Amino acid sequence: MVRRWARIWWSDLAWLNPSCALSTQPRGMLAGVWGEMTDVSALFDAEYGRLVRSLGVAFDPVDAADAVQEAFIQADRRWDEVSHFDDPAGWVRRVALHRLLNGRRNRRRRREILATIRPTSDADLTADLLDLRRAVAALPDRMRAAVCLHYLADLPVDDVAAALEVSAGTVKSSLHDARTRLRSLMEVSDV
């Protein structure tokens, strides 16, 4: 009863990745294939769809497909070693699962870090600081980057030049032009 339900359910999950139709090859036959494999393509054909479908239920389907693809790329690069394992498919499953778990952990850490360093919201700024934020936002991209890196990140001109891949003189000129524009924009907003 459970097997019939699972087969119907798995076939209904083909929408997770339309290119991953259920294999018509019985699972028992796959065990004999491993010893004869000469490249990763046979392993890919046998395992990709099932692995993406199963991990796509446990995790985000797109992330699962990416992780499985990356695991197969890694298997292809290391095929001389992986092909001699007792269960190359198990190795691919483990690599894909580790990628998914590490990705989830990394996204959580990134959210935690970003929550502590987010820019101050407009509601927390005074009127003068709001005007300054709007004026800086009105600067051209490279000029705005130079201003933010030099004045907000407190980087020396040479470091800003290296980050922007321009000369120090260009950064100095951009900072001068930015101060001039900001001064005029701030004067206009005072009127």
C-alpha atoms as a PDB file:
ATOM      1  CA  MET A   1       0.000   0.000   0.000  1.00  0.00           C
ATOM      2  CA  VAL A   2       2.710   2.482   0.974  1.00  0.00           C
ATOM      3  CA  ARG A   3       4.816   1.624  -2.084  1.00  0.00           C
ATOM      4  CA  ARG A   4       1.906   2.272  -4.446  1.00  0.00           C
ATOM      5  CA  TRP A   5       1.229   5.619  -2.750  1.00  0.00           C
ATOM      6  CA  ALA A   6       4.924   6.548  -2.904  1.00  0.00           C
ATOM      7  CA  ARG A   7       5.149   5.663  -6.605  1.00  0.00           C
ATOM      8  CA  ILE A   8       2.117   7.825  -7.400  1.00  0.00           C
ATOM      9  CA  TRP A   9       3.375  10.625  -5.192  1.00  0.00           C
ATOM     10  CA  TRP A  10       6.869  10.591  -6.733  1.00  0.00           C
ATOM     11  CA  SER A  11       5.431  10.632 -10.218  1.00  0.00           C
ATOM     12  CA  ASP A  12       3.300  13.620  -9.250  1.00  0.00           C
ATOM     13  CA  LEU A  13       6.466  15.433  -8.175  1.00  0.00           C
ATOM     14  CA  ALA A  14       7.878  15.480 -11.708  1.00  0.00           C
ATOM     15  CA  TRP A  15       7.022  19.192 -11.788  1.00  0.00           C
ATOM     16  CA  LEU A  16      10.038  19.764  -9.510  1.00  0.00           C
ATOM     17  CA  ASN A  17      12.239  19.209 -12.539  1.00  0.00           C
ATOM     18  CA  PRO A  18      10.449  18.248 -15.752  1.00  0.00           C
ATOM     19  CA  SER A  19      13.629  16.782 -17.222  1.00  0.00           C
ATOM     20  CA  CYS A  20      13.697  14.247 -14.373  1.00  0.00           C
ATOM     21  CA  ALA A  21      11.021  11.752 -15.319  1.00  0.00           C
ATOM     22  CA  LEU A  22      10.891   8.674 -13.127  1.00  0.00           C
ATOM     23  CA  SER A  23      13.282   5.994 -14.256  1.00  0.00           C
ATOM     24  CA  THR A  24      11.568   2.961 -15.716  1.00  0.00           C
ATOM     25  CA  GLN A  25      14.563   0.855 -14.725  1.00  0.00           C
ATOM     26  CA  PRO A  26      13.872  -1.186 -11.584  1.00  0.00           C
ATOM     27  CA  ARG A  27      15.995  -0.206  -8.600  1.00  0.00           C
ATOM     28  CA  GLY A  28      17.467  -3.706  -8.249  1.00  0.00           C
ATOM     29  CA  MET A  29      19.068  -3.514 -11.686  1.00  0.00           C
ATOM     30  CA  LEU A  30      21.048  -0.412 -10.721  1.00  0.00           C
ATOM     31  CA  ALA A  31      23.186  -2.400  -8.306  1.00  0.00           C
ATOM     32  CA  GLY A  32      24.755  -4.366 -11.160  1.00  0.00           C
ATOM     33  CA  VAL A  33      25.569  -1.227 -13.157  1.00  0.00           C
ATOM     34  CA  TRP A  34      28.109   0.249 -10.710  1.00  0.00           C
ATOM     35  CA  GLY A  35      30.849  -2.277 -11.447  1.00  0.00           C
ATOM     36  CA  GLU A  36      30.570  -1.666 -15.212  1.00  0.00           C
ATOM     37  CA  MET A  37      30.519   2.143 -15.175  1.00  0.00           C
ATOM     38  CA  THR A  38      33.260   3.751 -17.209  1.00  0.00           C
ATOM     39  CA  ASP A  39      32.075   7.350 -16.892  1.00  0.00           C
ATOM     40  CA  VAL A  40      29.846   9.475 -14.752  1.00  0.00           C
ATOM     41  CA  SER A  41      27.106   9.731 -17.397  1.00  0.00           C
ATOM     42  CA  ALA A  42      25.651   6.313 -16.537  1.00  0.00           C
ATOM     43  CA  LEU A  43      25.544   7.280 -12.869  1.00  0.00           C
ATOM     44  CA  PHE A  44      23.945  10.597 -13.807  1.00  0.00           C
ATOM     45  CA  ASP A  45      21.280   8.915 -15.936  1.00  0.00           C
ATOM     46  CA  ALA A  46      20.474   6.451 -13.180  1.00  0.00           C
ATOM     47  CA  GLU A  47      20.457   8.771 -10.156  1.00  0.00           C
ATOM     48  CA  TYR A  48      19.963  12.419 -11.100  1.00  0.00           C
ATOM     49  CA  GLY A  49      16.160  12.518 -11.340  1.00  0.00           C
ATOM     50  CA  ARG A  50      15.527  10.506  -8.221  1.00  0.00           C
ATOM     51  CA  LEU A  51      18.036  12.494  -6.198  1.00  0.00           C
ATOM     52  CA  VAL A  52      16.693  15.882  -7.317  1.00  0.00           C
ATOM     53  CA  ARG A  53      13.103  14.815  -6.596  1.00  0.00           C
ATOM     54  CA  SER A  54      13.893  13.476  -3.137  1.00  0.00           C
ATOM     55  CA  LEU A  55      16.084  16.398  -2.051  1.00  0.00           C
ATOM     56  CA  GLY A  56      13.655  18.838  -3.702  1.00  0.00           C
ATOM     57  CA  VAL A  57      11.014  17.784  -1.202  1.00  0.00           C
ATOM     58  CA  ALA A  58      13.319  18.219   1.792  1.00  0.00           C
ATOM     59  CA  PHE A  59      14.850  21.491   0.534  1.00  0.00           C
ATOM     60  CA  ASP A  60      14.072  24.132  -2.069  1.00  0.00           C
ATOM     61  CA  PRO A  61      13.679  22.343  -5.443  1.00  0.00           C
ATOM     62  CA  VAL A  62      15.939  24.790  -7.285  1.00  0.00           C
ATOM     63  CA  ASP A  63      18.627  24.566  -4.606  1.00  0.00           C
ATOM     64  CA  ALA A  64      18.350  20.778  -4.691  1.00  0.00           C
ATOM     65  CA  ALA A  65      18.820  20.681  -8.465  1.00  0.00           C
ATOM     66  CA  ASP A  66      21.841  22.984  -8.179  1.00  0.00           C
ATOM     67  CA  ALA A  67      23.396  20.929  -5.386  1.00  0.00           C
ATOM     68  CA  VAL A  68      22.921  17.655  -7.263  1.00  0.00           C
ATOM     69  CA  GLN A  69      24.392  19.151 -10.430  1.00  0.00           C
ATOM     70  CA  GLU A  70      27.392  20.453  -8.496  1.00  0.00           C
ATOM     71  CA  ALA A  71      27.827  17.037  -6.880  1.00  0.00           C
ATOM     72  CA  PHE A  72      27.857  15.362 -10.296  1.00  0.00           C
ATOM     73  CA  ILE A  73      30.349  17.933 -11.595  1.00  0.00           C
ATOM     74  CA  GLN A  74      32.586  17.137  -8.641  1.00  0.00           C
ATOM     75  CA  ALA A  75      32.114  13.405  -9.288  1.00  0.00           C
ATOM     76  CA  ASP A  76      33.085  13.898 -12.923  1.00  0.00           C
ATOM     77  CA  ARG A  77      36.233  15.787 -11.957  1.00  0.00           C
ATOM     78  CA  ARG A  78      37.206  13.060  -9.486  1.00  0.00           C
ATOM     79  CA  TRP A  79      35.824  10.106 -11.434  1.00  0.00           C
ATOM     80  CA  ASP A  80      39.072   8.121 -11.294  1.00  0.00           C
ATOM     81  CA  GLU A  81      38.685   8.031  -7.513  1.00  0.00           C
ATOM     82  CA  VAL A  82      34.866   7.978  -7.223  1.00  0.00           C
ATOM     83  CA  SER A  83      34.421   5.136  -9.726  1.00  0.00           C
ATOM     84  CA  HIS A  84      36.321   2.791  -7.414  1.00  0.00           C
ATOM     85  CA  PHE A  85      34.055   3.455  -4.412  1.00  0.00           C
ATOM     86  CA  ASP A  86      31.659   0.693  -3.397  1.00  0.00           C
ATOM     87  CA  ASP A  87      28.718   3.059  -3.954  1.00  0.00           C
ATOM     88  CA  PRO A  88      29.484   6.045  -6.227  1.00  0.00           C
ATOM     89  CA  ALA A  89      25.814   7.070  -6.050  1.00  0.00           C
ATOM     90  CA  GLY A  90      26.064   7.233  -2.256  1.00  0.00           C
ATOM     91  CA  TRP A  91      29.074   9.507  -2.589  1.00  0.00           C
ATOM     92  CA  VAL A  92      27.130  11.830  -4.925  1.00  0.00           C
ATOM     93  CA  ARG A  93      24.147  11.817  -2.545  1.00  0.00           C
ATOM     94  CA  ARG A  94      26.401  12.690   0.387  1.00  0.00           C
ATOM     95  CA  VAL A  95      28.097  15.540  -1.517  1.00  0.00           C
ATOM     96  CA  ALA A  96      24.736  16.967  -2.654  1.00  0.00           C
ATOM     97  CA  LEU A  97      23.305  16.761   0.845  1.00  0.00           C
ATOM     98  CA  HIS A  98      26.378  18.435   2.342  1.00  0.00           C
ATOM     99  CA  ARG A  99      26.097  21.230  -0.208  1.00  0.00           C
ATOM    100  CA  LEU A 100      22.453  21.779   0.705  1.00  0.00           C
ATOM    101  CA  LEU A 101      23.092  21.728   4.451  1.00  0.00           C
ATOM    102  CA  ASN A 102      26.111  24.027   4.148  1.00  0.00           C
ATOM    103  CA  GLY A 103      24.140  26.394   1.917  1.00  0.00           C
ATOM    104  CA  ARG A 104      21.308  26.549   4.408  1.00  0.00           C
ATOM    105  CA  ARG A 105      23.778  27.171   7.251  1.00  0.00           C
ATOM    106  CA  ASN A 106      25.613  29.842   5.239  1.00  0.00           C
ATOM    107  CA  ARG A 107      22.355  31.641   4.377  1.00  0.00           C
ATOM    108  CA  ARG A 108      21.356  31.650   8.068  1.00  0.00           C
ATOM    109  CA  ARG A 109      24.747  33.082   9.070  1.00  0.00           C
ATOM    110  CA  ARG A 110      24.556  35.674   6.313  1.00  0.00           C
ATOM    111  CA  ARG A 111      21.085  36.790   7.516  1.00  0.00           C
ATOM    112  CA  GLU A 112      22.357  37.051  11.110  1.00  0.00           C
ATOM    113  CA  ILE A 113      25.368  39.113  10.067  1.00  0.00           C
ATOM    114  CA  LEU A 114      23.387  41.380   7.755  1.00  0.00           C
ATOM    115  CA  ALA A 115      20.829  42.005  10.488  1.00  0.00           C
ATOM    116  CA  THR A 116      23.577  43.518  12.631  1.00  0.00           C
ATOM    117  CA  ILE A 117      25.087  45.719   9.905  1.00  0.00           C
ATOM    118  CA  ARG A 118      22.061  47.005   8.031  1.00  0.00           C
ATOM    119  CA  PRO A 119      22.079  50.718   7.253  1.00  0.00           C
ATOM    120  CA  THR A 120      20.077  52.915   9.573  1.00  0.00           C
ATOM    121  CA  SER A 121      16.455  53.187   8.518  1.00  0.00           C
ATOM    122  CA  ASP A 122      15.097  56.518   7.334  1.00  0.00           C
ATOM    123  CA  ALA A 123      12.842  56.710  10.404  1.00  0.00           C
ATOM    124  CA  ASP A 124      15.919  56.847  12.663  1.00  0.00           C
ATOM    125  CA  LEU A 125      17.618  59.713  10.772  1.00  0.00           C
ATOM    126  CA  THR A 126      17.312  63.441  11.293  1.00  0.00           C
ATOM    127  CA  ALA A 127      16.109  65.637   8.451  1.00  0.00           C
ATOM    128  CA  ASP A 128      19.681  66.760   7.639  1.00  0.00           C
ATOM    129  CA  LEU A 129      20.957  63.194   7.468  1.00  0.00           C
ATOM    130  CA  LEU A 130      18.022  62.197   5.261  1.00  0.00           C
ATOM    131  CA  ASP A 131      18.883  65.044   2.902  1.00  0.00           C
ATOM    132  CA  LEU A 132      22.518  63.930   2.881  1.00  0.00           C
ATOM    133  CA  ARG A 133      21.523  60.318   2.149  1.00  0.00           C
ATOM    134  CA  ARG A 134      19.362  61.464  -0.774  1.00  0.00           C
ATOM    135  CA  ALA A 135      22.147  63.702  -2.085  1.00  0.00           C
ATOM    136  CA  VAL A 136      24.707  60.873  -1.943  1.00  0.00           C
ATOM    137  CA  ALA A 137      22.219  58.576  -3.690  1.00  0.00           C
ATOM    138  CA  ALA A 138      21.927  61.150  -6.497  1.00  0.00           C
ATOM    139  CA  LEU A 139      25.675  60.935  -7.277  1.00  0.00           C
ATOM    140  CA  PRO A 140      26.884  58.797 -10.190  1.00  0.00           C
ATOM    141  CA  ASP A 141      27.728  55.214  -9.208  1.00  0.00           C
ATOM    142  CA  ARG A 142      31.534  55.432  -9.217  1.00  0.00           C
ATOM    143  CA  MET A 143      31.522  58.791  -7.451  1.00  0.00           C
ATOM    144  CA  ARG A 144      29.078  57.492  -4.837  1.00  0.00           C
ATOM    145  CA  ALA A 145      31.282  54.413  -4.329  1.00  0.00           C
ATOM    146  CA  ALA A 146      34.361  56.589  -3.843  1.00  0.00           C
ATOM    147  CA  VAL A 147      32.551  58.788  -1.294  1.00  0.00           C
ATOM    148  CA  CYS A 148      31.196  55.831   0.666  1.00  0.00           C
ATOM    149  CA  LEU A 149      34.488  53.928   0.694  1.00  0.00           C
ATOM    150  CA  HIS A 150      36.561  56.969   1.663  1.00  0.00           C
ATOM    151  CA  TYR A 151      34.280  58.758   4.118  1.00  0.00           C
ATOM    152  CA  LEU A 152      32.066  55.986   5.509  1.00  0.00           C
ATOM    153  CA  ALA A 153      34.403  52.976   5.378  1.00  0.00           C
ATOM    154  CA  ASP A 154      37.322  55.276   6.263  1.00  0.00           C
ATOM    155  CA  LEU A 155      39.607  53.826   3.586  1.00  0.00           C
ATOM    156  CA  PRO A 156      42.649  55.773   2.406  1.00  0.00           C
ATOM    157  CA  VAL A 157      42.596  57.108  -1.159  1.00  0.00           C
ATOM    158  CA  ASP A 158      45.017  54.408  -2.356  1.00  0.00           C
ATOM    159  CA  ASP A 159      42.753  51.625  -1.074  1.00  0.00           C
ATOM    160  CA  VAL A 160      39.708  53.238  -2.682  1.00  0.00           C
ATOM    161  CA  ALA A 161      41.667  53.493  -5.936  1.00  0.00           C
ATOM    162  CA  ALA A 162      42.561  49.796  -5.750  1.00  0.00           C
ATOM    163  CA  ALA A 163      38.953  48.818  -5.040  1.00  0.00           C
ATOM    164  CA  LEU A 164      37.641  50.904  -7.954  1.00  0.00           C
ATOM    165  CA  GLU A 165      40.573  49.907 -10.194  1.00  0.00           C
ATOM    166  CA  VAL A 166      41.471  53.518 -10.987  1.00  0.00           C
ATOM    167  CA  SER A 167      44.399  55.768 -10.127  1.00  0.00           C
ATOM    168  CA  ALA A 168      44.641  57.644  -6.825  1.00  0.00           C
ATOM    169  CA  GLY A 169      44.403  60.907  -8.773  1.00  0.00           C
ATOM    170  CA  THR A 170      41.076  59.815 -10.255  1.00  0.00           C
ATOM    171  CA  VAL A 171      39.750  59.066  -6.772  1.00  0.00           C
ATOM    172  CA  LYS A 172      40.890  62.456  -5.491  1.00  0.00           C
ATOM    173  CA  SER A 173      39.208  64.145  -8.447  1.00  0.00           C
ATOM    174  CA  SER A 174      36.008  62.124  -7.884  1.00  0.00           C
ATOM    175  CA  LEU A 175      35.970  63.034  -4.196  1.00  0.00           C
ATOM    176  CA  HIS A 176      36.458  66.716  -5.019  1.00  0.00           C
ATOM    177  CA  ASP A 177      33.660  66.635  -7.592  1.00  0.00           C
ATOM    178  CA  ALA A 178      31.426  64.743  -5.168  1.00  0.00           C
ATOM    179  CA  ARG A 179      31.966  67.297  -2.399  1.00  0.00           C
ATOM    180  CA  THR A 180      31.114  70.082  -4.854  1.00  0.00           C
ATOM    181  CA  ARG A 181      27.935  68.331  -5.995  1.00  0.00           C
ATOM    182  CA  LEU A 182      26.905  67.428  -2.462  1.00  0.00           C
ATOM    183  CA  ARG A 183      27.445  71.010  -1.317  1.00  0.00           C
ATOM    184  CA  SER A 184      25.222  72.332  -4.124  1.00  0.00           C
ATOM    185  CA  LEU A 185      22.572  69.648  -3.544  1.00  0.00           C
ATOM    186  CA  MET A 186      22.498  70.345   0.180  1.00  0.00           C
ATOM    187  CA  GLU A 187      22.214  74.099  -0.391  1.00  0.00           C
ATOM    188  CA  VAL A 188      19.269  73.560  -2.722  1.00  0.00           C
ATOM    189  CA  SER A 189      17.515  71.418  -0.133  1.00  0.00           C
ATOM    190  CA  ASP A 190      17.976  74.156   2.517  1.00  0.00           C
ATOM    191  CA  VAL A 191      15.983  76.663   0.463  1.00  0.00           C
END
